[in-house]
Amino acid sequence: MDLHLAGKTAVVTGASKGIGMAVTKALVGAGVHVVAGSRTPGKELPAMEETGQVTYVSVDLSRPGHAEELMGAAARRGGIDILVNNVGGATPRPGGFVGITDEEWQASWDLNMMGIVRPTRAALPQIQRRGGGSIVIIGSINAYYPGAVTYDYCATKAAVTNLAKSLSKELGPLNIRVNSISPGLVLTEKWTEGGLAEGLADANGEPAEDVLANILEDTPTGRFTTREQVADLVLFLASERAGNINGSDYRIDGGFVPTL
């Protein structure tokens, strides 16, 4: 199915690995030029930049001022058609609620919430410059499925989902659609290499392999989501094939969350 994305310009945050890299690859494959923002270029962005398909910008979106630098690179290309807010991260808190410091709460807020607020705010003039576009925000099922060892992450992801819905009401009349995606467990580097499973295992007092096994057992489809499946959903929502989808949140978790 042709999504008619060729020739457009997209900004993807957290683009160097995981879901962000999968989205970047999928957009490039659809003929989109991607302005890719991340703290480091990772293993694959340099080669993609050499082909002219990607413009890489080193940014830390948890810090003020960096979002404007990222959007400036897109502005020099004439504006933004698609913004994919993907940046974010979780840190297990084995000490429980009382062990989470003010600094840790603030760090989670700065990364997971302000890391979306800042680039969205900076991108809007460039999206309006193109006459409209699409914003896709990557959230988490933890907005609906709170966990006792990830209090700060869950709270910020609930705020992100709320923000997406609120933005859709303001921006819809301006021909800017805003939707969010709430993935469940996606087997990315943060699970396989980043120590997230080990952190949850330490907090729960169980082996790391049991953490993944228990999640899989509670997933009706019996399998985890791939990063490519999330990327495919991003591309659909970014395209005019989804031209009247606005203010919606899409879970992609194999049915793991049992509630409506």
Protein backbone atom coordinates (compact mmCIF):
# COMPACT_ATOMS: atom_id res chain seq x y z
CA MET A 1 0.00 0.00 0.00
CA ASP A 2 1.50 3.31 -1.10
CA LEU A 3 1.29 5.77 1.80
CA HIS A 4 2.26 8.70 -0.46
CA LEU A 5 5.01 9.86 1.88
CA ALA A 6 7.76 10.28 -0.69
CA GLY A 7 9.34 13.74 -0.68
CA LYS A 8 8.23 14.64 2.82
CA THR A 9 10.45 15.68 5.71
CA ALA A 10 10.17 14.00 9.10
CA VAL A 11 11.83 14.63 12.44
CA VAL A 12 12.39 11.55 14.62
CA THR A 13 13.65 11.86 18.18
CA GLY A 14 15.54 9.09 19.94
CA ALA A 15 16.42 7.95 16.43
CA SER A 16 19.71 6.13 16.92
CA LYS A 17 18.38 2.76 18.11
CA GLY A 18 15.34 0.71 19.06
CA ILE A 19 11.94 1.95 17.91
CA GLY A 20 13.43 5.24 16.75
CA MET A 21 15.84 3.52 14.39
CA ALA A 22 13.09 1.26 13.05
CA VAL A 23 10.91 4.31 12.39
CA THR A 24 13.80 6.11 10.71
CA LYS A 25 14.47 3.13 8.43
CA ALA A 26 10.78 2.76 7.56
CA LEU A 27 10.40 6.45 6.73
CA VAL A 28 13.53 6.44 4.59
CA GLY A 29 12.20 3.36 2.82
CA ALA A 30 9.03 5.30 2.02
CA GLY A 31 11.01 8.12 0.44
CA VAL A 32 11.02 10.50 3.42
CA HIS A 33 14.04 12.56 4.42
CA VAL A 34 14.55 12.11 8.17
CA VAL A 35 16.08 14.67 10.48
CA ALA A 36 17.24 12.29 13.19
CA GLY A 37 17.85 13.53 16.71
CA SER A 38 19.62 11.61 19.47
CA ARG A 39 22.41 12.07 21.97
CA THR A 40 24.77 9.88 19.93
CA PRO A 41 24.54 8.63 16.33
CA GLY A 42 24.68 4.96 17.26
CA LYS A 43 25.83 2.32 14.81
CA GLU A 44 23.60 2.99 11.81
CA LEU A 45 22.84 6.70 11.46
CA PRO A 46 26.29 7.70 10.10
CA ALA A 47 25.95 5.40 7.09
CA MET A 48 22.40 6.60 6.45
CA GLU A 49 23.56 10.20 6.61
CA GLU A 50 26.24 9.50 4.01
CA THR A 51 23.54 8.45 1.54
CA GLY A 52 21.74 11.78 1.96
CA GLN A 53 18.61 10.11 3.33
CA VAL A 54 19.15 11.34 6.88
CA THR A 55 20.34 14.50 8.58
CA TYR A 56 21.74 13.69 12.02
CA VAL A 57 21.67 16.22 14.86
CA SER A 58 23.24 15.48 18.24
CA VAL A 59 20.75 16.65 20.89
CA ASP A 60 19.75 15.92 24.46
CA LEU A 61 16.04 16.73 24.52
CA SER A 62 15.88 16.57 28.31
CA ARG A 63 17.77 19.89 28.24
CA PRO A 64 16.42 23.30 27.20
CA GLY A 65 17.57 24.69 23.87
CA HIS A 66 18.35 21.43 22.12
CA ALA A 67 14.92 21.03 20.50
CA GLU A 68 15.33 24.32 18.68
CA GLU A 69 18.63 23.12 17.25
CA LEU A 70 16.99 19.94 15.97
CA MET A 71 14.06 21.75 14.37
CA GLY A 72 16.45 24.28 12.86
CA ALA A 73 17.92 21.51 10.74
CA ALA A 74 14.42 20.71 9.45
CA ALA A 75 13.66 24.39 8.91
CA ARG A 76 16.61 24.59 6.54
CA ARG A 77 14.89 21.92 4.45
CA GLY A 78 11.71 24.00 4.21
CA GLY A 79 9.69 22.74 7.16
CA ILE A 80 8.32 19.61 8.79
CA ASP A 81 5.59 17.27 7.57
CA ILE A 82 5.92 14.57 10.25
CA LEU A 83 7.14 14.67 13.84
CA VAL A 84 7.73 11.39 15.65
CA ASN A 85 8.33 11.97 19.35
CA ASN A 86 10.04 8.78 20.42
CA VAL A 87 12.56 9.82 23.05
CA GLY A 88 12.11 8.39 26.57
CA GLY A 89 13.34 5.81 29.01
CA ALA A 90 12.66 3.93 32.23
CA THR A 91 14.84 3.20 35.24
CA PRO A 92 13.68 0.50 37.69
CA ARG A 93 13.47 1.74 41.29
CA PRO A 94 14.17 -1.28 43.50
CA GLY A 95 13.91 0.87 46.63
CA GLY A 96 10.23 1.50 46.01
CA PHE A 97 8.39 4.80 46.20
CA VAL A 98 10.21 6.25 49.21
CA GLY A 99 13.56 5.56 47.56
CA ILE A 100 12.89 7.78 44.54
CA THR A 101 14.56 11.14 45.07
CA ASP A 102 13.37 14.54 43.89
CA GLU A 103 16.24 14.53 41.42
CA GLU A 104 15.15 11.18 39.96
CA TRP A 105 11.55 12.38 39.63
CA GLN A 106 12.78 15.51 37.87
CA ALA A 107 15.06 13.55 35.56
CA SER A 108 12.15 11.31 34.50
CA TRP A 109 9.96 14.35 33.89
CA ASP A 110 12.64 16.14 31.89
CA LEU A 111 13.27 13.13 29.64
CA ASN A 112 9.85 11.56 29.19
CA MET A 113 7.59 14.62 29.29
CA MET A 114 9.70 17.67 28.48
CA GLY A 115 11.54 15.56 25.90
CA ILE A 116 8.22 15.62 24.04
CA VAL A 117 6.96 19.07 25.01
CA ARG A 118 10.09 20.88 23.84
CA PRO A 119 10.42 19.34 20.35
CA THR A 120 6.68 19.62 19.73
CA ARG A 121 6.67 23.28 20.68
CA ALA A 122 9.72 23.96 18.51
CA ALA A 123 8.32 21.98 15.57
CA LEU A 124 4.87 23.55 15.34
CA PRO A 125 5.86 26.67 13.40
CA GLN A 126 7.64 24.45 10.86
CA ILE A 127 4.64 22.12 10.54
CA GLN A 128 2.32 25.08 10.06
CA ARG A 129 4.75 26.38 7.44
CA ARG A 130 3.92 23.26 5.39
CA GLY A 131 0.18 23.79 5.81
CA GLY A 132 -0.25 20.98 8.35
CA GLY A 133 1.08 17.54 9.08
CA SER A 134 1.11 14.69 11.54
CA ILE A 135 2.56 14.27 15.03
CA VAL A 136 2.95 10.75 16.40
CA ILE A 137 3.95 10.36 20.04
CA ILE A 138 5.39 7.10 21.33
CA GLY A 139 4.09 6.50 24.83
CA SER A 140 3.76 3.23 26.73
CA ILE A 141 1.18 0.82 28.07
CA ASN A 142 2.47 1.94 31.46
CA ALA A 143 0.15 4.90 31.05
CA TYR A 144 -2.60 2.32 31.71
CA TYR A 145 -0.65 -0.36 33.53
CA PRO A 146 1.25 1.23 36.45
CA GLY A 147 4.11 -0.65 38.04
CA ALA A 148 5.39 -0.34 41.60
CA VAL A 149 9.05 -0.31 40.58
CA THR A 150 8.63 2.30 37.83
CA TYR A 151 6.49 4.95 39.54
CA ASP A 152 8.12 7.93 37.88
CA TYR A 153 8.16 6.38 34.41
CA CYS A 154 4.51 5.35 34.59
CA ALA A 155 3.40 8.77 35.83
CA THR A 156 5.22 10.58 33.04
CA LYS A 157 3.84 8.24 30.38
CA ALA A 158 0.31 8.87 31.62
CA ALA A 159 1.03 12.57 31.26
CA VAL A 160 2.33 12.03 27.72
CA THR A 161 -0.85 10.23 26.63
CA ASN A 162 -2.94 13.01 28.16
CA LEU A 163 -0.84 15.61 26.37
CA ALA A 164 -1.36 13.92 23.01
CA LYS A 165 -5.14 14.00 23.42
CA SER A 166 -5.11 17.64 24.51
CA LEU A 167 -2.90 18.68 21.60
CA SER A 168 -5.19 16.95 19.12
CA LYS A 169 -8.04 19.25 20.14
CA GLU A 170 -6.07 22.44 19.62
CA LEU A 171 -4.16 21.40 16.52
CA GLY A 172 -6.81 19.43 14.61
CA PRO A 173 -8.45 22.61 13.24
CA LEU A 174 -5.00 23.67 11.99
CA ASN A 175 -4.72 20.50 9.86
CA ILE A 176 -2.21 18.98 12.29
CA ARG A 177 -3.21 15.53 13.49
CA VAL A 178 -1.86 14.23 16.80
CA ASN A 179 -1.99 10.56 17.77
CA SER A 180 -0.11 8.40 20.24
CA ILE A 181 1.07 4.81 20.33
CA SER A 182 1.36 2.81 23.56
CA PRO A 183 3.64 -0.16 22.97
CA GLY A 184 3.94 -3.03 25.38
CA LEU A 185 7.19 -4.90 25.63
CA VAL A 186 9.16 -4.33 22.44
CA LEU A 187 12.36 -6.35 22.23
CA THR A 188 14.81 -3.50 21.77
CA GLU A 189 18.30 -2.88 23.13
CA LYS A 190 16.99 -1.58 26.42
CA TRP A 191 15.68 -5.07 27.16
CA THR A 192 18.39 -7.15 25.51
CA GLU A 193 21.42 -4.98 26.29
CA GLY A 194 20.33 -2.06 28.44
CA GLY A 195 19.75 -3.92 31.68
CA LEU A 196 16.04 -3.12 32.04
CA ALA A 197 15.09 -6.75 32.55
CA GLU A 198 17.87 -7.13 35.12
CA GLY A 199 16.69 -4.00 36.96
CA LEU A 200 13.12 -5.25 37.17
CA ALA A 201 14.39 -8.67 38.20
CA ASP A 202 16.39 -7.18 41.07
CA ALA A 203 13.38 -5.19 42.22
CA ASN A 204 11.10 -8.23 42.09
CA GLY A 205 13.63 -10.72 43.46
CA GLU A 206 13.51 -13.03 40.46
CA PRO A 207 15.84 -14.02 37.59
CA ALA A 208 15.87 -11.70 34.57
CA GLU A 209 14.71 -14.45 32.24
CA ASP A 210 11.62 -14.92 34.42
CA VAL A 211 10.66 -11.26 33.96
CA LEU A 212 10.35 -11.74 30.19
CA ALA A 213 8.76 -15.17 30.55
CA ASN A 214 6.06 -13.83 32.88
CA ILE A 215 5.22 -10.98 30.52
CA LEU A 216 5.01 -13.39 27.61
CA GLU A 217 2.78 -15.75 29.60
CA ASP A 218 0.37 -12.88 30.32
CA THR A 219 0.25 -11.80 26.66
CA PRO A 220 -2.71 -13.39 24.83
CA THR A 221 -0.90 -13.54 21.49
CA GLY A 222 2.05 -15.28 23.16
CA ARG A 223 4.65 -13.05 21.54
CA PHE A 224 6.30 -9.68 21.96
CA THR A 225 5.98 -6.72 19.63
CA THR A 226 8.79 -6.02 17.20
CA ARG A 227 10.16 -2.56 16.61
CA GLU A 228 9.21 -2.89 12.93
CA GLN A 229 5.56 -3.42 13.85
CA VAL A 230 5.58 -0.18 15.82
CA ALA A 231 7.27 1.58 12.90
CA ASP A 232 4.61 0.35 10.47
CA LEU A 233 1.91 1.82 12.70
CA VAL A 234 3.80 5.12 12.90
CA LEU A 235 3.97 5.34 9.11
CA PHE A 236 0.27 4.65 8.71
CA LEU A 237 -0.68 7.31 11.27
CA ALA A 238 1.70 9.78 9.64
CA SER A 239 0.13 9.28 6.22
CA GLU A 240 -3.02 10.66 4.65
CA ARG A 241 -4.39 7.11 4.68
CA ALA A 242 -5.10 7.98 8.33
CA GLY A 243 -6.26 11.47 7.37
CA ASN A 244 -9.16 11.66 9.81
CA ILE A 245 -7.56 9.80 12.72
CA ASN A 246 -6.82 12.39 15.37
CA GLY A 247 -6.58 12.23 19.16
CA SER A 248 -6.39 8.44 19.28
CA ASP A 249 -4.06 6.21 21.26
CA TYR A 250 -3.13 2.82 19.84
CA ARG A 251 -1.93 0.03 22.10
CA ILE A 252 0.33 -2.50 20.48
CA ASP A 253 0.92 -5.04 23.22
CA GLY A 254 -0.54 -8.35 22.07
CA GLY A 255 -3.45 -7.80 24.46
CA PHE A 256 -1.25 -7.63 27.57
CA VAL A 257 -3.27 -4.83 29.20
CA PRO A 258 -6.49 -6.59 30.29
CA THR A 259 -8.68 -3.49 30.70
CA LEU A 260 -10.51 -1.27 28.23
